[in-house]
Full PDB file with SEQRES, HELIX, SHEET, SSBOND, CRYST1, ORIGX, SCALE, CONECT and MASTER records, all heavy atoms in Angstrom:
SEQRES   1 A   35  ILE VAL PHE VAL ARG GLY THR THR GLU ALA ILE ASN LEU          
SEQRES   2 A   35  VAL ALA LYS THR TRP GLY ASP GLN HIS LEU GLN ALA GLY          
SEQRES   3 A   35  ASP GLU ILE ILE ILE SER HIS LEU GLU                          
HELIX    1 AA1 THR A    7  VAL A   14  1                                   8    
HELIX    2 AA2 ALA A   15  GLY A   19  3                                   5    
HELIX    3 AA3 ASP A   20  HIS A   22  1                                   3    
CRYST1    1.000    1.000    1.000  90.00  90.00  90.00 P 1           1          
ORIGX1      1.000000  0.000000  0.000000        0.00000                         
ORIGX2      0.000000  1.000000  0.000000        0.00000                         
ORIGX3      0.000000  0.000000  1.000000        0.00000                         
SCALE1      1.000000  0.000000  0.000000        0.00000                         
SCALE2      0.000000  1.000000  0.000000        0.00000                         
SCALE3      0.000000  0.000000  1.000000        0.00000                         
ATOM      1  N   ILE A   1      -5.490   1.024   5.214  1.00  0.00           N  
ATOM      2  CA  ILE A   1      -4.059   0.882   5.557  1.00  0.00           C  
ATOM      3  C   ILE A   1      -3.455  -0.337   4.907  1.00  0.00           C  
ATOM      4  O   ILE A   1      -3.959  -1.488   5.152  1.00  0.00           O  
ATOM      5  CB  ILE A   1      -3.838   0.759   7.075  1.00  0.00           C  
ATOM      6  CG1 ILE A   1      -4.476   2.048   7.752  1.00  0.00           C  
ATOM      7  CG2 ILE A   1      -2.362   0.640   7.375  1.00  0.00           C  
ATOM      8  CD1 ILE A   1      -3.886   3.326   7.362  1.00  0.00           C  
ATOM      9  N   VAL A   2      -2.519  -0.182   3.978  1.00  0.00           N  
ATOM     10  CA  VAL A   2      -1.868  -1.268   3.295  1.00  0.00           C  
ATOM     11  C   VAL A   2      -0.435  -1.346   3.797  1.00  0.00           C  
ATOM     12  O   VAL A   2       0.319  -0.340   3.819  1.00  0.00           O  
ATOM     13  CB  VAL A   2      -1.859  -1.049   1.759  1.00  0.00           C  
ATOM     14  CG1 VAL A   2      -1.072  -2.189   1.069  1.00  0.00           C  
ATOM     15  CG2 VAL A   2      -3.274  -0.902   1.261  1.00  0.00           C  
ATOM     16  N   PHE A   3       0.020  -2.552   4.264  1.00  0.00           N  
ATOM     17  CA  PHE A   3       1.365  -2.709   4.715  1.00  0.00           C  
ATOM     18  C   PHE A   3       2.284  -2.920   3.483  1.00  0.00           C  
ATOM     19  O   PHE A   3       1.971  -3.697   2.535  1.00  0.00           O  
ATOM     20  CB  PHE A   3       1.517  -3.896   5.634  1.00  0.00           C  
ATOM     21  CG  PHE A   3       1.075  -3.558   7.094  1.00  0.00           C  
ATOM     22  CD1 PHE A   3       0.083  -4.382   7.654  1.00  0.00           C  
ATOM     23  CD2 PHE A   3       1.617  -2.531   7.757  1.00  0.00           C  
ATOM     24  CE1 PHE A   3      -0.332  -4.088   8.914  1.00  0.00           C  
ATOM     25  CE2 PHE A   3       1.203  -2.222   9.044  1.00  0.00           C  
ATOM     26  CZ  PHE A   3       0.224  -3.031   9.648  1.00  0.00           C  
ATOM     27  N   VAL A   4       3.417  -2.196   3.468  1.00  0.00           N  
ATOM     28  CA  VAL A   4       4.429  -2.239   2.397  1.00  0.00           C  
ATOM     29  C   VAL A   4       5.803  -2.306   3.050  1.00  0.00           C  
ATOM     30  O   VAL A   4       5.933  -2.289   4.280  1.00  0.00           O  
ATOM     31  CB  VAL A   4       4.284  -1.056   1.450  1.00  0.00           C  
ATOM     32  CG1 VAL A   4       2.981  -1.066   0.650  1.00  0.00           C  
ATOM     33  CG2 VAL A   4       4.349   0.252   2.298  1.00  0.00           C  
ATOM     34  N   ARG A   5       6.787  -2.396   2.216  1.00  0.00           N  
ATOM     35  CA  ARG A   5       8.189  -2.463   2.760  1.00  0.00           C  
ATOM     36  C   ARG A   5       8.645  -1.072   3.202  1.00  0.00           C  
ATOM     37  O   ARG A   5       9.547  -0.951   4.053  1.00  0.00           O  
ATOM     38  CB  ARG A   5       9.154  -2.986   1.722  1.00  0.00           C  
ATOM     39  CG  ARG A   5       8.972  -4.479   1.454  1.00  0.00           C  
ATOM     40  CD  ARG A   5      10.089  -4.916   0.475  1.00  0.00           C  
ATOM     41  NE  ARG A   5       9.985  -4.226  -0.810  1.00  0.00           N  
ATOM     42  CZ  ARG A   5      10.966  -4.105  -1.713  1.00  0.00           C  
ATOM     43  NH1 ARG A   5      12.092  -4.571  -1.389  1.00  0.00           N  
ATOM     44  NH2 ARG A   5      10.743  -3.480  -2.838  1.00  0.00           N  
ATOM     45  N   GLY A   6       8.043  -0.004   2.773  1.00  0.00           N  
ATOM     46  CA  GLY A   6       8.374   1.343   3.168  1.00  0.00           C  
ATOM     47  C   GLY A   6       7.863   2.354   2.206  1.00  0.00           C  
ATOM     48  O   GLY A   6       7.075   2.078   1.278  1.00  0.00           O  
ATOM     49  N   THR A   7       8.268   3.566   2.389  1.00  0.00           N  
ATOM     50  CA  THR A   7       7.825   4.696   1.541  1.00  0.00           C  
ATOM     51  C   THR A   7       8.038   4.440   0.079  1.00  0.00           C  
ATOM     52  O   THR A   7       7.156   4.718  -0.752  1.00  0.00           O  
ATOM     53  CB  THR A   7       8.460   5.981   1.952  1.00  0.00           C  
ATOM     54  OG1 THR A   7       8.184   6.305   3.370  1.00  0.00           O  
ATOM     55  CG2 THR A   7       8.057   7.200   1.184  1.00  0.00           C  
ATOM     56  N   THR A   8       9.233   3.979  -0.283  1.00  0.00           N  
ATOM     57  CA  THR A   8       9.587   3.798  -1.630  1.00  0.00           C  
ATOM     58  C   THR A   8       8.586   2.768  -2.318  1.00  0.00           C  
ATOM     59  O   THR A   8       8.091   3.020  -3.416  1.00  0.00           O  
ATOM     60  CB  THR A   8      11.020   3.262  -1.825  1.00  0.00           C  
ATOM     61  OG1 THR A   8      11.912   4.246  -1.318  1.00  0.00           O  
ATOM     62  CG2 THR A   8      11.362   2.926  -3.254  1.00  0.00           C  
ATOM     63  N   GLU A   9       8.345   1.670  -1.681  1.00  0.00           N  
ATOM     64  CA  GLU A   9       7.429   0.731  -2.249  1.00  0.00           C  
ATOM     65  C   GLU A   9       6.013   1.273  -2.356  1.00  0.00           C  
ATOM     66  O   GLU A   9       5.263   1.018  -3.304  1.00  0.00           O  
ATOM     67  CB  GLU A   9       7.392  -0.563  -1.464  1.00  0.00           C  
ATOM     68  CG  GLU A   9       6.529  -1.653  -2.045  1.00  0.00           C  
ATOM     69  CD  GLU A   9       6.653  -3.028  -1.397  1.00  0.00           C  
ATOM     70  OE1 GLU A   9       6.072  -3.179  -0.325  1.00  0.00           O  
ATOM     71  OE2 GLU A   9       7.360  -3.838  -1.954  1.00  0.00           O  
ATOM     72  N   ALA A  10       5.648   2.073  -1.356  1.00  0.00           N  
ATOM     73  CA  ALA A  10       4.255   2.633  -1.345  1.00  0.00           C  
ATOM     74  C   ALA A  10       4.075   3.533  -2.496  1.00  0.00           C  
ATOM     75  O   ALA A  10       2.998   3.514  -3.208  1.00  0.00           O  
ATOM     76  CB  ALA A  10       3.993   3.421  -0.066  1.00  0.00           C  
ATOM     77  N   ILE A  11       5.033   4.423  -2.765  1.00  0.00           N  
ATOM     78  CA  ILE A  11       4.889   5.364  -3.955  1.00  0.00           C  
ATOM     79  C   ILE A  11       4.912   4.588  -5.259  1.00  0.00           C  
ATOM     80  O   ILE A  11       4.137   4.831  -6.182  1.00  0.00           O  
ATOM     81  CB  ILE A  11       6.010   6.421  -3.888  1.00  0.00           C  
ATOM     82  CG1 ILE A  11       5.895   7.247  -2.650  1.00  0.00           C  
ATOM     83  CG2 ILE A  11       5.965   7.299  -5.143  1.00  0.00           C  
ATOM     84  CD1 ILE A  11       7.052   8.223  -2.422  1.00  0.00           C  
ATOM     85  N   ASN A  12       5.795   3.599  -5.356  1.00  0.00           N  
ATOM     86  CA  ASN A  12       5.820   2.736  -6.566  1.00  0.00           C  
ATOM     87  C   ASN A  12       4.484   2.015  -6.762  1.00  0.00           C  
ATOM     88  O   ASN A  12       4.018   1.840  -7.872  1.00  0.00           O  
ATOM     89  CB  ASN A  12       6.960   1.810  -6.482  1.00  0.00           C  
ATOM     90  CG  ASN A  12       8.276   2.378  -6.994  1.00  0.00           C  
ATOM     91  OD1 ASN A  12       8.570   2.352  -8.163  1.00  0.00           O  
ATOM     92  ND2 ASN A  12       9.073   2.883  -6.073  1.00  0.00           N  
ATOM     93  N   LEU A  13       3.897   1.567  -5.630  1.00  0.00           N  
ATOM     94  CA  LEU A  13       2.632   0.875  -5.771  1.00  0.00           C  
ATOM     95  C   LEU A  13       1.586   1.788  -6.374  1.00  0.00           C  
ATOM     96  O   LEU A  13       0.832   1.392  -7.313  1.00  0.00           O  
ATOM     97  CB  LEU A  13       2.167   0.425  -4.346  1.00  0.00           C  
ATOM     98  CG  LEU A  13       0.956  -0.526  -4.238  1.00  0.00           C  
ATOM     99  CD1 LEU A  13       1.019  -1.240  -2.913  1.00  0.00           C  
ATOM    100  CD2 LEU A  13      -0.366   0.238  -4.360  1.00  0.00           C  
ATOM    101  N   VAL A  14       1.475   3.037  -5.898  1.00  0.00           N  
ATOM    102  CA  VAL A  14       0.489   3.979  -6.454  1.00  0.00           C  
ATOM    103  C   VAL A  14       0.800   4.273  -7.926  1.00  0.00           C  
ATOM    104  O   VAL A  14      -0.088   4.293  -8.753  1.00  0.00           O  
ATOM    105  CB  VAL A  14       0.441   5.251  -5.630  1.00  0.00           C  
ATOM    106  CG1 VAL A  14      -0.509   6.254  -6.269  1.00  0.00           C  
ATOM    107  CG2 VAL A  14      -0.023   4.983  -4.168  1.00  0.00           C  
ATOM    108  N   ALA A  15       2.083   4.473  -8.245  1.00  0.00           N  
ATOM    109  CA  ALA A  15       2.453   4.805  -9.615  1.00  0.00           C  
ATOM    110  C   ALA A  15       2.147   3.701 -10.595  1.00  0.00           C  
ATOM    111  O   ALA A  15       1.639   3.897 -11.687  1.00  0.00           O  
ATOM    112  CB  ALA A  15       3.921   5.156  -9.654  1.00  0.00           C  
ATOM    113  N   LYS A  16       2.413   2.515 -10.109  1.00  0.00           N  
ATOM    114  CA  LYS A  16       2.329   1.311 -11.068  1.00  0.00           C  
ATOM    115  C   LYS A  16       0.925   0.672 -11.041  1.00  0.00           C  
ATOM    116  O   LYS A  16       0.666  -0.277 -11.784  1.00  0.00           O  
ATOM    117  CB  LYS A  16       3.398   0.349 -10.729  1.00  0.00           C  
ATOM    118  CG  LYS A  16       4.786   0.888 -11.120  1.00  0.00           C  
ATOM    119  CD  LYS A  16       5.957  -0.023 -10.652  1.00  0.00           C  
ATOM    120  CE  LYS A  16       7.275   0.462 -11.280  1.00  0.00           C  
ATOM    121  NZ  LYS A  16       7.560   1.901 -10.968  1.00  0.00           N  
ATOM    122  N   THR A  17      -0.040   1.139 -10.183  1.00  0.00           N  
ATOM    123  CA  THR A  17      -1.321   0.661 -10.163  1.00  0.00           C  
ATOM    124  C   THR A  17      -2.281   1.802 -10.636  1.00  0.00           C  
ATOM    125  O   THR A  17      -2.690   1.857 -11.751  1.00  0.00           O  
ATOM    126  CB  THR A  17      -1.722   0.139  -8.858  1.00  0.00           C  
ATOM    127  OG1 THR A  17      -1.612   1.165  -7.823  1.00  0.00           O  
ATOM    128  CG2 THR A  17      -0.908  -1.114  -8.433  1.00  0.00           C  
ATOM    129  N   TRP A  18      -2.547   2.717  -9.706  1.00  0.00           N  
ATOM    130  CA  TRP A  18      -3.457   3.801 -10.047  1.00  0.00           C  
ATOM    131  C   TRP A  18      -2.926   4.629 -11.145  1.00  0.00           C  
ATOM    132  O   TRP A  18      -3.656   4.995 -12.072  1.00  0.00           O  
ATOM    133  CB  TRP A  18      -3.658   4.704  -8.777  1.00  0.00           C  
ATOM    134  CG  TRP A  18      -4.650   5.796  -9.043  1.00  0.00           C  
ATOM    135  CD1 TRP A  18      -5.953   5.755  -8.852  1.00  0.00           C  
ATOM    136  CD2 TRP A  18      -4.285   7.114  -9.556  1.00  0.00           C  
ATOM    137  NE1 TRP A  18      -6.508   7.005  -9.248  1.00  0.00           N  
ATOM    138  CE2 TRP A  18      -5.522   7.854  -9.623  1.00  0.00           C  
ATOM    139  CE3 TRP A  18      -3.118   7.721  -9.874  1.00  0.00           C  
ATOM    140  CZ2 TRP A  18      -5.558   9.180 -10.083  1.00  0.00           C  
ATOM    141  CZ3 TRP A  18      -3.136   9.040 -10.323  1.00  0.00           C  
ATOM    142  CH2 TRP A  18      -4.352   9.743 -10.420  1.00  0.00           C  
ATOM    143  N   GLY A  19      -1.603   4.964 -11.156  1.00  0.00           N  
ATOM    144  CA  GLY A  19      -1.078   5.809 -12.190  1.00  0.00           C  
ATOM    145  C   GLY A  19      -1.143   5.134 -13.583  1.00  0.00           C  
ATOM    146  O   GLY A  19      -1.527   5.778 -14.543  1.00  0.00           O  
ATOM    147  N   ASP A  20      -0.750   3.878 -13.608  1.00  0.00           N  
ATOM    148  CA  ASP A  20      -0.754   3.157 -14.923  1.00  0.00           C  
ATOM    149  C   ASP A  20      -2.211   2.981 -15.381  1.00  0.00           C  
ATOM    150  O   ASP A  20      -2.481   2.999 -16.610  1.00  0.00           O  
ATOM    151  CB  ASP A  20      -0.109   1.804 -14.736  1.00  0.00           C  
ATOM    152  CG  ASP A  20       0.066   1.108 -16.034  1.00  0.00           C  
ATOM    153  OD1 ASP A  20       0.803   1.589 -16.927  1.00  0.00           O  
ATOM    154  OD2 ASP A  20      -0.565   0.023 -16.274  1.00  0.00           O  
ATOM    155  N   GLN A  21      -3.143   2.856 -14.457  1.00  0.00           N  
ATOM    156  CA  GLN A  21      -4.556   2.661 -14.764  1.00  0.00           C  
ATOM    157  C   GLN A  21      -5.282   3.844 -15.252  1.00  0.00           C  
ATOM    158  O   GLN A  21      -6.112   3.850 -16.179  1.00  0.00           O  
ATOM    159  CB  GLN A  21      -5.274   2.034 -13.598  1.00  0.00           C  
ATOM    160  CG  GLN A  21      -6.734   1.660 -13.779  1.00  0.00           C  
ATOM    161  CD  GLN A  21      -7.313   1.061 -12.485  1.00  0.00           C  
ATOM    162  OE1 GLN A  21      -6.577   0.762 -11.562  1.00  0.00           O  
ATOM    163  NE2 GLN A  21      -8.609   0.879 -12.484  1.00  0.00           N  
ATOM    164  N   HIS A  22      -4.904   5.003 -14.623  1.00  0.00           N  
ATOM    165  CA  HIS A  22      -5.756   6.241 -14.823  1.00  0.00           C  
ATOM    166  C   HIS A  22      -5.117   7.342 -15.614  1.00  0.00           C  
ATOM    167  O   HIS A  22      -5.834   8.187 -16.140  1.00  0.00           O  
ATOM    168  CB  HIS A  22      -6.201   6.745 -13.474  1.00  0.00           C  
ATOM    169  CG  HIS A  22      -7.165   5.892 -12.747  1.00  0.00           C  
ATOM    170  ND1 HIS A  22      -8.522   5.804 -13.051  1.00  0.00           N  
ATOM    171  CD2 HIS A  22      -6.995   5.033 -11.730  1.00  0.00           C  
ATOM    172  CE1 HIS A  22      -9.102   4.947 -12.234  1.00  0.00           C  
ATOM    173  NE2 HIS A  22      -8.188   4.431 -11.447  1.00  0.00           N  
ATOM    174  N   LEU A  23      -3.756   7.352 -15.733  1.00  0.00           N  
ATOM    175  CA  LEU A  23      -3.111   8.488 -16.398  1.00  0.00           C  
ATOM    176  C   LEU A  23      -2.842   8.118 -17.855  1.00  0.00           C  
ATOM    177  O   LEU A  23      -2.458   7.025 -18.215  1.00  0.00           O  
ATOM    178  CB  LEU A  23      -1.855   8.835 -15.676  1.00  0.00           C  
ATOM    179  CG  LEU A  23      -1.990   9.258 -14.206  1.00  0.00           C  
ATOM    180  CD1 LEU A  23      -0.665   9.732 -13.601  1.00  0.00           C  
ATOM    181  CD2 LEU A  23      -3.055  10.391 -14.055  1.00  0.00           C  
ATOM    182  N   GLN A  24      -2.997   9.154 -18.660  1.00  0.00           N  
ATOM    183  CA  GLN A  24      -2.839   8.987 -20.146  1.00  0.00           C  
ATOM    184  C   GLN A  24      -1.829   9.988 -20.661  1.00  0.00           C  
ATOM    185  O   GLN A  24      -1.425  10.925 -19.913  1.00  0.00           O  
ATOM    186  CB  GLN A  24      -4.145   9.220 -20.897  1.00  0.00           C  
ATOM    187  CG  GLN A  24      -5.325   8.323 -20.319  1.00  0.00           C  
ATOM    188  CD  GLN A  24      -5.068   6.822 -20.407  1.00  0.00           C  
ATOM    189  OE1 GLN A  24      -4.418   6.374 -21.374  1.00  0.00           O  
ATOM    190  NE2 GLN A  24      -5.569   6.051 -19.532  1.00  0.00           N  
ATOM    191  N   ALA A  25      -1.400   9.829 -21.832  1.00  0.00           N  
ATOM    192  CA  ALA A  25      -0.482  10.764 -22.516  1.00  0.00           C  
ATOM    193  C   ALA A  25      -1.007  12.163 -22.443  1.00  0.00           C  
ATOM    194  O   ALA A  25      -2.194  12.389 -22.736  1.00  0.00           O  
ATOM    195  CB  ALA A  25      -0.183  10.333 -23.977  1.00  0.00           C  
ATOM    196  N   GLY A  26      -0.169  13.076 -22.077  1.00  0.00           N  
ATOM    197  CA  GLY A  26      -0.567  14.449 -21.942  1.00  0.00           C  
ATOM    198  C   GLY A  26      -1.044  14.891 -20.548  1.00  0.00           C  
ATOM    199  O   GLY A  26      -1.055  16.083 -20.247  1.00  0.00           O  
ATOM    200  N   ASP A  27      -1.434  13.934 -19.695  1.00  0.00           N  
ATOM    201  CA  ASP A  27      -1.839  14.221 -18.328  1.00  0.00           C  
ATOM    202  C   ASP A  27      -0.607  14.755 -17.569  1.00  0.00           C  
ATOM    203  O   ASP A  27       0.558  14.361 -17.937  1.00  0.00           O  
ATOM    204  CB  ASP A  27      -2.379  12.982 -17.626  1.00  0.00           C  
ATOM    205  CG  ASP A  27      -3.767  12.593 -18.119  1.00  0.00           C  
ATOM    206  OD1 ASP A  27      -4.394  13.422 -18.739  1.00  0.00           O  
ATOM    207  OD2 ASP A  27      -4.170  11.456 -17.857  1.00  0.00           O  
ATOM    208  N   GLU A  28      -0.807  15.615 -16.638  1.00  0.00           N  
ATOM    209  CA  GLU A  28       0.354  16.219 -15.916  1.00  0.00           C  
ATOM    210  C   GLU A  28       0.426  15.756 -14.441  1.00  0.00           C  
ATOM    211  O   GLU A  28      -0.601  15.710 -13.724  1.00  0.00           O  
ATOM    212  CB  GLU A  28       0.254  17.766 -16.017  1.00  0.00           C  
ATOM    213  CG  GLU A  28       0.393  18.194 -17.457  1.00  0.00           C  
ATOM    214  CD  GLU A  28       0.421  19.689 -17.606  1.00  0.00           C  
ATOM    215  OE1 GLU A  28       0.318  20.423 -16.555  1.00  0.00           O  
ATOM    216  OE2 GLU A  28       0.535  20.235 -18.718  1.00  0.00           O  
ATOM    217  N   ILE A  29       1.600  15.482 -13.987  1.00  0.00           N  
ATOM    218  CA  ILE A  29       1.918  15.151 -12.598  1.00  0.00           C  
ATOM    219  C   ILE A  29       2.788  16.279 -12.053  1.00  0.00           C  
ATOM    220  O   ILE A  29       3.806  16.638 -12.697  1.00  0.00           O  
ATOM    221  CB  ILE A  29       2.704  13.773 -12.538  1.00  0.00           C  
ATOM    222  CG1 ILE A  29       1.839  12.704 -13.136  1.00  0.00           C  
ATOM    223  CG2 ILE A  29       3.033  13.493 -11.072  1.00  0.00           C  
ATOM    224  CD1 ILE A  29       2.627  11.386 -13.388  1.00  0.00           C  
ATOM    225  N   ILE A  30       2.428  16.789 -10.887  1.00  0.00           N  
ATOM    226  CA  ILE A  30       3.243  17.836 -10.282  1.00  0.00           C  
ATOM    227  C   ILE A  30       3.941  17.258  -9.034  1.00  0.00           C  
ATOM    228  O   ILE A  30       3.289  16.666  -8.206  1.00  0.00           O  
ATOM    229  CB  ILE A  30       2.351  19.065  -9.851  1.00  0.00           C  
ATOM    230  CG1 ILE A  30       1.779  19.717 -11.098  1.00  0.00           C  
ATOM    231  CG2 ILE A  30       3.123  20.053  -9.080  1.00  0.00           C  
ATOM    232  CD1 ILE A  30       0.796  20.909 -10.791  1.00  0.00           C  
ATOM    233  N   ILE A  31       5.209  17.498  -8.995  1.00  0.00           N  
ATOM    234  CA  ILE A  31       6.003  17.231  -7.816  1.00  0.00           C  
ATOM    235  C   ILE A  31       6.792  18.497  -7.438  1.00  0.00           C  
ATOM    236  O   ILE A  31       6.560  19.509  -8.150  1.00  0.00           O  
ATOM    237  CB  ILE A  31       7.019  16.076  -8.026  1.00  0.00           C  
ATOM    238  CG1 ILE A  31       8.037  16.393  -9.167  1.00  0.00           C  
ATOM    239  CG2 ILE A  31       6.248  14.771  -8.374  1.00  0.00           C  
ATOM    240  CD1 ILE A  31       9.065  15.329  -9.362  1.00  0.00           C  
ATOM    241  N   SER A  32       7.543  18.475  -6.393  1.00  0.00           N  
ATOM    242  CA  SER A  32       8.272  19.676  -6.001  1.00  0.00           C  
ATOM    243  C   SER A  32       9.788  19.479  -6.140  1.00  0.00           C  
ATOM    244  O   SER A  32      10.301  18.380  -6.285  1.00  0.00           O  
ATOM    245  CB  SER A  32       7.919  20.071  -4.528  1.00  0.00           C  
ATOM    246  OG  SER A  32       8.797  19.382  -3.622  1.00  0.00           O  
ATOM    247  N   HIS A  33      10.485  20.588  -6.129  1.00  0.00           N  
ATOM    248  CA  HIS A  33      11.975  20.550  -6.252  1.00  0.00           C  
ATOM    249  C   HIS A  33      12.612  19.917  -4.980  1.00  0.00           C  
ATOM    250  O   HIS A  33      13.780  19.575  -4.992  1.00  0.00           O  
ATOM    251  CB  HIS A  33      12.505  21.933  -6.465  1.00  0.00           C  
ATOM    252  CG  HIS A  33      13.746  22.041  -7.277  1.00  0.00           C  
ATOM    253  ND1 HIS A  33      13.889  22.940  -8.329  1.00  0.00           N  
ATOM    254  CD2 HIS A  33      14.791  21.255  -7.319  1.00  0.00           C  
ATOM    255  CE1 HIS A  33      15.071  22.739  -8.894  1.00  0.00           C  
ATOM    256  NE2 HIS A  33      15.648  21.693  -8.362  1.00  0.00           N  
ATOM    257  N   LEU A  34      11.819  19.738  -3.962  1.00  0.00           N  
ATOM    258  CA  LEU A  34      12.345  19.217  -2.659  1.00  0.00           C  
ATOM    259  C   LEU A  34      12.386  17.716  -2.571  1.00  0.00           C  
ATOM    260  O   LEU A  34      12.909  17.140  -1.625  1.00  0.00           O  
ATOM    261  CB  LEU A  34      11.502  19.744  -1.493  1.00  0.00           C  
ATOM    262  CG  LEU A  34      11.540  21.216  -1.211  1.00  0.00           C  
ATOM    263  CD1 LEU A  34      10.386  21.578  -0.241  1.00  0.00           C  
ATOM    264  CD2 LEU A  34      12.853  21.662  -0.698  1.00  0.00           C  
ATOM    265  N   GLU A  35      11.865  17.038  -3.610  1.00  0.00           N  
ATOM    266  CA  GLU A  35      11.579  15.615  -3.485  1.00  0.00           C  
ATOM    267  C   GLU A  35      12.811  14.707  -3.379  1.00  0.00           C  
ATOM    268  O   GLU A  35      13.854  14.926  -4.003  1.00  0.00           O  
ATOM    269  CB  GLU A  35      10.693  15.135  -4.643  1.00  0.00           C  
ATOM    270  CG  GLU A  35       9.371  15.847  -4.766  1.00  0.00           C  
ATOM    271  CD  GLU A  35       8.620  15.980  -3.462  1.00  0.00           C  
ATOM    272  OE1 GLU A  35       8.511  14.924  -2.764  1.00  0.00           O  
ATOM    273  OE2 GLU A  35       8.113  17.049  -3.166  1.00  0.00           O  
TER     274      GLU A  35                                                      
MASTER        0    0    0    3    0    0    0    6  273    1    0    3          
END                                                                             
């Protein structure tokens, strides 16, 4: 459990840490139309 300012910061944290570290050009991210 990591305390953050809210949902927005939490998603940005994952994107800018794990995402930046592990994802490469051509890798695919799936989201939904509801987001």
